[in-house]
Each structure stands twice: as C-alpha cells, then as structure tokens.
Amino acid sequence: MHPSFQERFDELCALLQKTKAAQTGLFGRTDRQEPPKPVRFQVNVKGIGLLQIVDRTSGKAHAFRQDYKAAHDLAMQYEEKVNRLTGGAQ
C-alpha cells in the first residue's frame, strides 16, 4: 500500500476508535444501553418530497416514499421482516 494511503488509513482507524469511545461514554452517562446491533434500513432524503429507504449492508435502495412517516413505517416493516427471517435480534 502506498505510504500516503497507509497514513490516511491509520488516521481513520484512530478516529473510529475515538468515536466508539465517545459513544460508549455517552451511553454510560445517560443510563441508556447501546443498541445490540445497528439499524439495517435507513431513510435518506433525496430531494423535496422524496425519501429513499436504503439497505445499509448492500447500499441498495428498496423503496421511495413522499412523506417521512410512510418511509419510516416501511423501513420498520423491513427491519421486522429481516429479524423474523434471521431468527430475531440477538
């Protein structure tokens, strides 16, 4: 690997470690537990009145909706479906 790429990679690894430590500290101060696993489906705004539901593991768009509530509800349905198919969130 080129030395400049390696430097950038090392810098990003250090930043990710600091971010994880900060998140852990935040959850400790607020008496909240960290989620057991990250959200798989995410709602992204793609324009005025256009929201996209994206699978974060593959990066593929699954659906489009025109209002946030409908997009959020559909993303939650996708999450529930994936959790049922994989045996639930552990």
PDB file of N, CA and C in Angstrom:
ATOM      1  N   MET A   1       0.847  -1.168   0.000  1.00  0.00           N
ATOM      2  CA  MET A   1       0.000   0.000   0.000  1.00  0.00           C
ATOM      3  C   MET A   1       0.898   1.239   0.000  1.00  0.00           C
ATOM      4  N   HIS A   2       0.482   2.226  -0.717  1.00  0.00           N
ATOM      5  CA  HIS A   2       1.240   3.470  -0.794  1.00  0.00           C
ATOM      6  C   HIS A   2       1.313   4.122   0.595  1.00  0.00           C
ATOM      7  N   PRO A   3       2.437   4.723   0.950  1.00  0.00           N
ATOM      8  CA  PRO A   3       2.579   5.306   2.293  1.00  0.00           C
ATOM      9  C   PRO A   3       1.513   6.352   2.643  1.00  0.00           C
ATOM     10  N   SER A   4       1.106   7.170   1.677  1.00  0.00           N
ATOM     11  CA  SER A   4       0.085   8.184   1.989  1.00  0.00           C
ATOM     12  C   SER A   4      -1.267   7.530   2.272  1.00  0.00           C
ATOM     13  N   PHE A   5      -1.586   6.440   1.554  1.00  0.00           N
ATOM     14  CA  PHE A   5      -2.818   5.707   1.823  1.00  0.00           C
ATOM     15  C   PHE A   5      -2.767   5.059   3.199  1.00  0.00           C
ATOM     16  N   GLN A   6      -1.622   4.507   3.541  1.00  0.00           N
ATOM     17  CA  GLN A   6      -1.458   3.873   4.847  1.00  0.00           C
ATOM     18  C   GLN A   6      -1.619   4.899   5.971  1.00  0.00           C
ATOM     19  N   GLU A   7      -1.061   6.091   5.782  1.00  0.00           N
ATOM     20  CA  GLU A   7      -1.212   7.146   6.782  1.00  0.00           C
ATOM     21  C   GLU A   7      -2.683   7.519   6.957  1.00  0.00           C
ATOM     22  N   ARG A   8      -3.387   7.660   5.844  1.00  0.00           N
ATOM     23  CA  ARG A   8      -4.811   8.002   5.894  1.00  0.00           C
ATOM     24  C   ARG A   8      -5.608   6.889   6.581  1.00  0.00           C
ATOM     25  N   PHE A   9      -5.284   5.654   6.260  1.00  0.00           N
ATOM     26  CA  PHE A   9      -5.957   4.510   6.853  1.00  0.00           C
ATOM     27  C   PHE A   9      -5.745   4.484   8.369  1.00  0.00           C
ATOM     28  N   ASP A  10      -4.505   4.693   8.807  1.00  0.00           N
ATOM     29  CA  ASP A  10      -4.197   4.710  10.236  1.00  0.00           C
ATOM     30  C   ASP A  10      -4.923   5.855  10.942  1.00  0.00           C
ATOM     31  N   GLU A  11      -4.989   7.012  10.271  1.00  0.00           N
ATOM     32  CA  GLU A  11      -5.682   8.167  10.842  1.00  0.00           C
ATOM     33  C   GLU A  11      -7.172   7.881  11.008  1.00  0.00           C
ATOM     34  N   LEU A  12      -7.788   7.254  10.010  1.00  0.00           N
ATOM     35  CA  LEU A  12      -9.206   6.924  10.089  1.00  0.00           C
ATOM     36  C   LEU A  12      -9.483   5.882  11.170  1.00  0.00           C
ATOM     37  N   CYS A  13      -8.592   4.916  11.318  1.00  0.00           N
ATOM     38  CA  CYS A  13      -8.752   3.908  12.375  1.00  0.00           C
ATOM     39  C   CYS A  13      -8.717   4.559  13.750  1.00  0.00           C
ATOM     40  N   ALA A  14      -7.812   5.501  13.944  1.00  0.00           N
ATOM     41  CA  ALA A  14      -7.723   6.206  15.224  1.00  0.00           C
ATOM     42  C   ALA A  14      -8.990   7.018  15.486  1.00  0.00           C
ATOM     43  N   LEU A  15      -9.517   7.682  14.458  1.00  0.00           N
ATOM     44  CA  LEU A  15     -10.741   8.458  14.619  1.00  0.00           C
ATOM     45  C   LEU A  15     -11.932   7.564  14.940  1.00  0.00           C
ATOM     46  N   LEU A  16     -12.010   6.398  14.309  1.00  0.00           N
ATOM     47  CA  LEU A  16     -13.108   5.471  14.594  1.00  0.00           C
ATOM     48  C   LEU A  16     -13.043   4.969  16.031  1.00  0.00           C
ATOM     49  N   GLN A  17     -11.844   4.715  16.534  1.00  0.00           N
ATOM     50  CA  GLN A  17     -11.695   4.277  17.920  1.00  0.00           C
ATOM     51  C   GLN A  17     -12.147   5.380  18.878  1.00  0.00           C
ATOM     52  N   LYS A  18     -11.800   6.634  18.587  1.00  0.00           N
ATOM     53  CA  LYS A  18     -12.224   7.754  19.435  1.00  0.00           C
ATOM     54  C   LYS A  18     -13.746   7.907  19.399  1.00  0.00           C
ATOM     55  N   THR A  19     -14.335   7.726  18.215  1.00  0.00           N
ATOM     56  CA  THR A  19     -15.779   7.842  18.083  1.00  0.00           C
ATOM     57  C   THR A  19     -16.480   6.768  18.900  1.00  0.00           C
ATOM     58  N   LYS A  20     -16.003   5.548  18.809  1.00  0.00           N
ATOM     59  CA  LYS A  20     -16.601   4.444  19.566  1.00  0.00           C
ATOM     60  C   LYS A  20     -16.476   4.700  21.067  1.00  0.00           C
ATOM     61  N   ALA A  21     -15.335   5.207  21.511  1.00  0.00           N
ATOM     62  CA  ALA A  21     -15.144   5.510  22.931  1.00  0.00           C
ATOM     63  C   ALA A  21     -16.103   6.618  23.373  1.00  0.00           C
ATOM     64  N   ALA A  22     -16.309   7.619  22.536  1.00  0.00           N
ATOM     65  CA  ALA A  22     -17.226   8.704  22.870  1.00  0.00           C
ATOM     66  C   ALA A  22     -18.667   8.197  22.949  1.00  0.00           C
ATOM     67  N   GLN A  23     -19.057   7.318  22.023  1.00  0.00           N
ATOM     68  CA  GLN A  23     -20.406   6.762  22.054  1.00  0.00           C
ATOM     69  C   GLN A  23     -20.625   5.944  23.318  1.00  0.00           C
ATOM     70  N   THR A  24     -19.646   5.143  23.679  1.00  0.00           N
ATOM     71  CA  THR A  24     -19.751   4.329  24.886  1.00  0.00           C
ATOM     72  C   THR A  24     -19.872   5.224  26.113  1.00  0.00           C
ATOM     73  N   GLY A  25     -19.097   6.296  26.171  1.00  0.00           N
ATOM     74  CA  GLY A  25     -19.183   7.244  27.275  1.00  0.00           C
ATOM     75  C   GLY A  25     -20.532   7.924  27.350  1.00  0.00           C
ATOM     76  N   LEU A  26     -21.081   8.290  26.192  1.00  0.00           N
ATOM     77  CA  LEU A  26     -22.386   8.941  26.153  1.00  0.00           C
ATOM     78  C   LEU A  26     -23.466   8.013  26.686  1.00  0.00           C
ATOM     79  N   PHE A  27     -23.468   6.773  26.231  1.00  0.00           N
ATOM     80  CA  PHE A  27     -24.487   5.840  26.689  1.00  0.00           C
ATOM     81  C   PHE A  27     -24.332   5.565  28.180  1.00  0.00           C
ATOM     82  N   GLY A  28     -23.117   5.602  28.688  1.00  0.00           N
ATOM     83  CA  GLY A  28     -22.895   5.404  30.117  1.00  0.00           C
ATOM     84  C   GLY A  28     -23.428   6.559  30.946  1.00  0.00           C
ATOM     85  N   ARG A  29     -23.299   7.784  30.454  1.00  0.00           N
ATOM     86  CA  ARG A  29     -23.768   8.962  31.191  1.00  0.00           C
ATOM     87  C   ARG A  29     -25.282   9.100  31.173  1.00  0.00           C
ATOM     88  N   THR A  30     -25.932   8.645  30.127  1.00  0.00           N
ATOM     89  CA  THR A  30     -27.373   8.834  30.005  1.00  0.00           C
ATOM     90  C   THR A  30     -28.171   7.644  30.507  1.00  0.00           C
ATOM     91  N   ASP A  31     -27.498   6.644  31.068  1.00  0.00           N
ATOM     92  CA  ASP A  31     -28.152   5.431  31.583  1.00  0.00           C
ATOM     93  C   ASP A  31     -28.966   4.719  30.512  1.00  0.00           C
ATOM     94  N   ARG A  32     -28.525   4.844  29.282  1.00  0.00           N
ATOM     95  CA  ARG A  32     -29.152   4.112  28.177  1.00  0.00           C
ATOM     96  C   ARG A  32     -28.209   3.023  27.735  1.00  0.00           C
ATOM     97  N   GLN A  33     -28.777   1.948  27.238  1.00  0.00           N
ATOM     98  CA  GLN A  33     -27.948   0.872  26.721  1.00  0.00           C
ATOM     99  C   GLN A  33     -27.727   1.076  25.233  1.00  0.00           C
ATOM    100  N   GLU A  34     -26.545   0.705  24.803  1.00  0.00           N
ATOM    101  CA  GLU A  34     -26.224   0.784  23.384  1.00  0.00           C
ATOM    102  C   GLU A  34     -27.033  -0.279  22.643  1.00  0.00           C
ATOM    103  N   PRO A  35     -27.560   0.032  21.476  1.00  0.00           N
ATOM    104  CA  PRO A  35     -28.331  -0.964  20.736  1.00  0.00           C
ATOM    105  C   PRO A  35     -27.480  -2.210  20.458  1.00  0.00           C
ATOM    106  N   PRO A  36     -28.087  -3.396  20.522  1.00  0.00           N
ATOM    107  CA  PRO A  36     -27.319  -4.619  20.308  1.00  0.00           C
ATOM    108  C   PRO A  36     -26.764  -4.748  18.898  1.00  0.00           C
ATOM    109  N   LYS A  37     -27.487  -4.218  17.925  1.00  0.00           N
ATOM    110  CA  LYS A  37     -26.992  -4.228  16.551  1.00  0.00           C
ATOM    111  C   LYS A  37     -27.480  -2.974  15.844  1.00  0.00           C
ATOM    112  N   PRO A  38     -26.745  -2.503  14.852  1.00  0.00           N
ATOM    113  CA  PRO A  38     -27.150  -1.264  14.179  1.00  0.00           C
ATOM    114  C   PRO A  38     -28.391  -1.459  13.312  1.00  0.00           C
ATOM    115  N   VAL A  39     -29.011  -0.353  12.997  1.00  0.00           N
ATOM    116  CA  VAL A  39     -30.186  -0.365  12.125  1.00  0.00           C
ATOM    117  C   VAL A  39     -29.744  -0.766  10.725  1.00  0.00           C
ATOM    118  N   ARG A  40     -30.520  -1.627  10.092  1.00  0.00           N
ATOM    119  CA  ARG A  40     -30.142  -2.079   8.757  1.00  0.00           C
ATOM    120  C   ARG A  40     -30.726  -1.188   7.660  1.00  0.00           C
ATOM    121  N   PHE A  41     -31.964  -0.752   7.831  1.00  0.00           N
ATOM    122  CA  PHE A  41     -32.615   0.074   6.813  1.00  0.00           C
ATOM    123  C   PHE A  41     -32.660   1.517   7.281  1.00  0.00           C
ATOM    124  N   GLN A  42     -32.278   2.434   6.394  1.00  0.00           N
ATOM    125  CA  GLN A  42     -32.157   3.838   6.735  1.00  0.00           C
ATOM    126  C   GLN A  42     -32.964   4.667   5.749  1.00  0.00           C
ATOM    127  N   VAL A  43     -33.602   5.719   6.255  1.00  0.00           N
ATOM    128  CA  VAL A  43     -34.373   6.629   5.411  1.00  0.00           C
ATOM    129  C   VAL A  43     -33.478   7.817   5.054  1.00  0.00           C
ATOM    130  N   ASN A  44     -33.298   8.060   3.764  1.00  0.00           N
ATOM    131  CA  ASN A  44     -32.480   9.172   3.271  1.00  0.00           C
ATOM    132  C   ASN A  44     -33.349  10.127   2.464  1.00  0.00           C
ATOM    133  N   VAL A  45     -33.091  11.417   2.620  1.00  0.00           N
ATOM    134  CA  VAL A  45     -33.794  12.427   1.824  1.00  0.00           C
ATOM    135  C   VAL A  45     -33.051  12.579   0.500  1.00  0.00           C
ATOM    136  N   LYS A  46     -33.777  12.422  -0.596  1.00  0.00           N
ATOM    137  CA  LYS A  46     -33.169  12.540  -1.923  1.00  0.00           C
ATOM    138  C   LYS A  46     -33.606  13.794  -2.665  1.00  0.00           C
ATOM    139  N   GLY A  47     -34.523  14.513  -2.116  1.00  0.00           N
ATOM    140  CA  GLY A  47     -34.993  15.741  -2.743  1.00  0.00           C
ATOM    141  C   GLY A  47     -36.220  16.229  -1.999  1.00  0.00           C
ATOM    142  N   ILE A  48     -36.805  17.306  -2.483  1.00  0.00           N
ATOM    143  CA  ILE A  48     -38.001  17.836  -1.837  1.00  0.00           C
ATOM    144  C   ILE A  48     -39.140  16.847  -2.054  1.00  0.00           C
ATOM    145  N   GLY A  49     -39.627  16.283  -0.961  1.00  0.00           N
ATOM    146  CA  GLY A  49     -40.739  15.347  -1.034  1.00  0.00           C
ATOM    147  C   GLY A  49     -40.354  13.975  -1.550  1.00  0.00           C
ATOM    148  N   LEU A  50     -39.087  13.597  -1.504  1.00  0.00           N
ATOM    149  CA  LEU A  50     -38.678  12.287  -1.969  1.00  0.00           C
ATOM    150  C   LEU A  50     -37.726  11.664  -0.956  1.00  0.00           C
ATOM    151  N   LEU A  51     -38.168  10.577  -0.348  1.00  0.00           N
ATOM    152  CA  LEU A  51     -37.362   9.862   0.640  1.00  0.00           C
ATOM    153  C   LEU A  51     -37.084   8.458   0.130  1.00  0.00           C
ATOM    154  N   GLN A  52     -35.906   7.981   0.413  1.00  0.00           N
ATOM    155  CA  GLN A  52     -35.443   6.700  -0.091  1.00  0.00           C
ATOM    156  C   GLN A  52     -35.129   5.794   1.102  1.00  0.00           C
ATOM    157  N   ILE A  53     -35.560   4.528   1.025  1.00  0.00           N
ATOM    158  CA  ILE A  53     -35.237   3.554   2.059  1.00  0.00           C
ATOM    159  C   ILE A  53     -34.095   2.703   1.522  1.00  0.00           C
ATOM    160  N   VAL A  54     -32.950   2.754   2.233  1.00  0.00           N
ATOM    161  CA  VAL A  54     -31.721   2.120   1.765  1.00  0.00           C
ATOM    162  C   VAL A  54     -31.310   1.008   2.721  1.00  0.00           C
ATOM    163  N   ASP A  55     -30.895  -0.126   2.162  1.00  0.00           N
ATOM    164  CA  ASP A  55     -30.305  -1.212   2.945  1.00  0.00           C
ATOM    165  C   ASP A  55     -28.848  -0.846   3.179  1.00  0.00           C
ATOM    166  N   ARG A  56     -28.468  -0.638   4.435  1.00  0.00           N
ATOM    167  CA  ARG A  56     -27.111  -0.175   4.742  1.00  0.00           C
ATOM    168  C   ARG A  56     -26.060  -1.244   4.498  1.00  0.00           C
ATOM    169  N   THR A  57     -26.444  -2.521   4.510  1.00  0.00           N
ATOM    170  CA  THR A  57     -25.447  -3.563   4.272  1.00  0.00           C
ATOM    171  C   THR A  57     -25.050  -3.656   2.810  1.00  0.00           C
ATOM    172  N   SER A  58     -25.997  -3.424   1.913  1.00  0.00           N
ATOM    173  CA  SER A  58     -25.690  -3.532   0.487  1.00  0.00           C
ATOM    174  C   SER A  58     -25.621  -2.166  -0.205  1.00  0.00           C
ATOM    175  N   GLY A  59     -26.232  -1.146   0.396  1.00  0.00           N
ATOM    176  CA  GLY A  59     -26.253   0.174  -0.220  1.00  0.00           C
ATOM    177  C   GLY A  59     -27.332   0.338  -1.274  1.00  0.00           C
ATOM    178  N   LYS A  60     -28.181  -0.668  -1.434  1.00  0.00           N
ATOM    179  CA  LYS A  60     -29.212  -0.624  -2.463  1.00  0.00           C
ATOM    180  C   LYS A  60     -30.489   0.021  -1.932  1.00  0.00           C
ATOM    181  N   ALA A  61     -31.160   0.752  -2.810  1.00  0.00           N
ATOM    182  CA  ALA A  61     -32.439   1.365  -2.471  1.00  0.00           C
ATOM    183  C   ALA A  61     -33.534   0.309  -2.582  1.00  0.00           C
ATOM    184  N   HIS A  62     -34.411   0.259  -1.575  1.00  0.00           N
ATOM    185  CA  HIS A  62     -35.506  -0.706  -1.595  1.00  0.00           C
ATOM    186  C   HIS A  62     -36.832  -0.070  -1.973  1.00  0.00           C
ATOM    187  N   ALA A  63     -37.008   1.199  -1.624  1.00  0.00           N
ATOM    188  CA  ALA A  63     -38.286   1.843  -1.920  1.00  0.00           C
ATOM    189  C   ALA A  63     -38.125   3.363  -1.836  1.00  0.00           C
ATOM    190  N   PHE A  64     -39.115   4.056  -2.378  1.00  0.00           N
ATOM    191  CA  PHE A  64     -39.191   5.509  -2.303  1.00  0.00           C
ATOM    192  C   PHE A  64     -40.565   5.876  -1.751  1.00  0.00           C
ATOM    193  N   ARG A  65     -40.615   6.918  -0.950  1.00  0.00           N
ATOM    194  CA  ARG A  65     -41.871   7.421  -0.421  1.00  0.00           C
ATOM    195  C   ARG A  65     -41.845   8.947  -0.467  1.00  0.00           C
ATOM    196  N   GLN A  66     -43.045   9.551  -0.347  1.00  0.00           N
ATOM    197  CA  GLN A  66     -43.142  11.001  -0.455  1.00  0.00           C
ATOM    198  C   GLN A  66     -43.268  11.697   0.890  1.00  0.00           C
ATOM    199  N   ASP A  67     -43.534  10.959   1.966  1.00  0.00           N
ATOM    200  CA  ASP A  67     -43.545  11.600   3.282  1.00  0.00           C
ATOM    201  C   ASP A  67     -42.766  10.735   4.269  1.00  0.00           C
ATOM    202  N   TYR A  68     -42.243  11.393   5.298  1.00  0.00           N
ATOM    203  CA  TYR A  68     -41.320  10.730   6.221  1.00  0.00           C
ATOM    204  C   TYR A  68     -42.005   9.615   7.008  1.00  0.00           C
ATOM    205  N   LYS A  69     -43.224   9.834   7.453  1.00  0.00           N
ATOM    206  CA  LYS A  69     -43.903   8.821   8.253  1.00  0.00           C
ATOM    207  C   LYS A  69     -44.075   7.529   7.471  1.00  0.00           C
ATOM    208  N   ALA A  70     -44.476   7.624   6.220  1.00  0.00           N
ATOM    209  CA  ALA A  70     -44.643   6.426   5.394  1.00  0.00           C
ATOM    210  C   ALA A  70     -43.304   5.732   5.173  1.00  0.00           C
ATOM    211  N   ALA A  71     -42.252   6.501   4.932  1.00  0.00           N
ATOM    212  CA  ALA A  71     -40.925   5.928   4.723  1.00  0.00           C
ATOM    213  C   ALA A  71     -40.422   5.253   5.993  1.00  0.00           C
ATOM    214  N   HIS A  72     -40.616   5.901   7.135  1.00  0.00           N
ATOM    215  CA  HIS A  72     -40.170   5.332   8.411  1.00  0.00           C
ATOM    216  C   HIS A  72     -40.931   4.050   8.729  1.00  0.00           C
ATOM    217  N   ASP A  73     -42.244   4.066   8.524  1.00  0.00           N
ATOM    218  CA  ASP A  73     -43.047   2.868   8.779  1.00  0.00           C
ATOM    219  C   ASP A  73     -42.609   1.704   7.894  1.00  0.00           C
ATOM    220  N   LEU A  74     -42.329   1.978   6.626  1.00  0.00           N
ATOM    221  CA  LEU A  74     -41.887   0.924   5.715  1.00  0.00           C
ATOM    222  C   LEU A  74     -40.509   0.396   6.115  1.00  0.00           C
ATOM    223  N   ALA A  75     -39.608   1.291   6.527  1.00  0.00           N
ATOM    224  CA  ALA A  75     -38.288   0.857   6.985  1.00  0.00           C
ATOM    225  C   ALA A  75     -38.415  -0.034   8.218  1.00  0.00           C
ATOM    226  N   MET A  76     -39.316   0.306   9.123  1.00  0.00           N
ATOM    227  CA  MET A  76     -39.539  -0.520  10.318  1.00  0.00           C
ATOM    228  C   MET A  76     -40.108  -1.887   9.933  1.00  0.00           C
ATOM    229  N   GLN A  77     -40.989  -1.925   8.938  1.00  0.00           N
ATOM    230  CA  GLN A  77     -41.516  -3.205   8.465  1.00  0.00           C
ATOM    231  C   GLN A  77     -40.403  -4.066   7.879  1.00  0.00           C
ATOM    232  N   TYR A  78     -39.508  -3.456   7.106  1.00  0.00           N
ATOM    233  CA  TYR A  78     -38.364  -4.192   6.568  1.00  0.00           C
ATOM    234  C   TYR A  78     -37.494  -4.742   7.691  1.00  0.00           C
ATOM    235  N   GLU A  79     -37.244  -3.930   8.731  1.00  0.00           N
ATOM    236  CA  GLU A  79     -36.433  -4.373   9.867  1.00  0.00           C
ATOM    237  C   GLU A  79     -37.074  -5.590  10.533  1.00  0.00           C
ATOM    238  N   GLU A  80     -38.390  -5.503  10.776  1.00  0.00           N
ATOM    239  CA  GLU A  80     -39.091  -6.612  11.419  1.00  0.00           C
ATOM    240  C   GLU A  80     -39.032  -7.867  10.567  1.00  0.00           C
ATOM    241  N   LYS A  81     -39.176  -7.707   9.256  1.00  0.00           N
ATOM    242  CA  LYS A  81     -39.131  -8.852   8.357  1.00  0.00           C
ATOM    243  C   LYS A  81     -37.757  -9.512   8.389  1.00  0.00           C
ATOM    244  N   VAL A  82     -36.693  -8.720   8.358  1.00  0.00           N
ATOM    245  CA  VAL A  82     -35.339  -9.275   8.399  1.00  0.00           C
ATOM    246  C   VAL A  82     -35.091  -9.972   9.726  1.00  0.00           C
ATOM    247  N   ASN A  83     -35.571  -9.382  10.828  1.00  0.00           N
ATOM    248  CA  ASN A  83     -35.389 -10.001  12.141  1.00  0.00           C
ATOM    249  C   ASN A  83     -36.145 -11.315  12.232  1.00  0.00           C
ATOM    250  N   ARG A  84     -37.327 -11.414  11.619  1.00  0.00           N
ATOM    251  CA  ARG A  84     -38.074 -12.684  11.616  1.00  0.00           C
ATOM    252  C   ARG A  84     -37.332 -13.734  10.804  1.00  0.00           C
ATOM    253  N   LEU A  85     -36.795 -13.346   9.637  1.00  0.00           N
ATOM    254  CA  LEU A  85     -36.138 -14.312   8.760  1.00  0.00           C
ATOM    255  C   LEU A  85     -34.824 -14.821   9.346  1.00  0.00           C
ATOM    256  N   THR A  86     -34.131 -13.993  10.119  1.00  0.00           N
ATOM    257  CA  THR A  86     -32.839 -14.401  10.675  1.00  0.00           C
ATOM    258  C   THR A  86     -32.956 -14.962  12.094  1.00  0.00           C
ATOM    259  N   GLY A  87     -34.161 -15.110  12.577  1.00  0.00           N
ATOM    260  CA  GLY A  87     -34.346 -15.675  13.915  1.00  0.00           C
ATOM    261  C   GLY A  87     -34.429 -14.631  14.999  1.00  0.00           C
ATOM    262  N   GLY A  88     -34.592 -13.374  14.649  1.00  0.00           N
ATOM    263  CA  GLY A  88     -34.755 -12.309  15.629  1.00  0.00           C
ATOM    264  C   GLY A  88     -33.447 -11.664  16.018  1.00  0.00           C
ATOM    265  N   ALA A  89     -33.586 -10.514  16.643  1.00  0.00           N
ATOM    266  CA  ALA A  89     -32.406  -9.781  17.117  1.00  0.00           C
ATOM    267  C   ALA A  89     -31.860 -10.454  18.353  1.00  0.00           C
ATOM    268  N   GLN A  90     -30.625 -10.758  18.342  1.00  0.00           N
ATOM    269  CA  GLN A  90     -29.997 -11.441  19.485  1.00  0.00           C
ATOM    270  C   GLN A  90     -29.142 -10.475  20.243  1.00  0.00           C
TER     271      GLN A  90
END
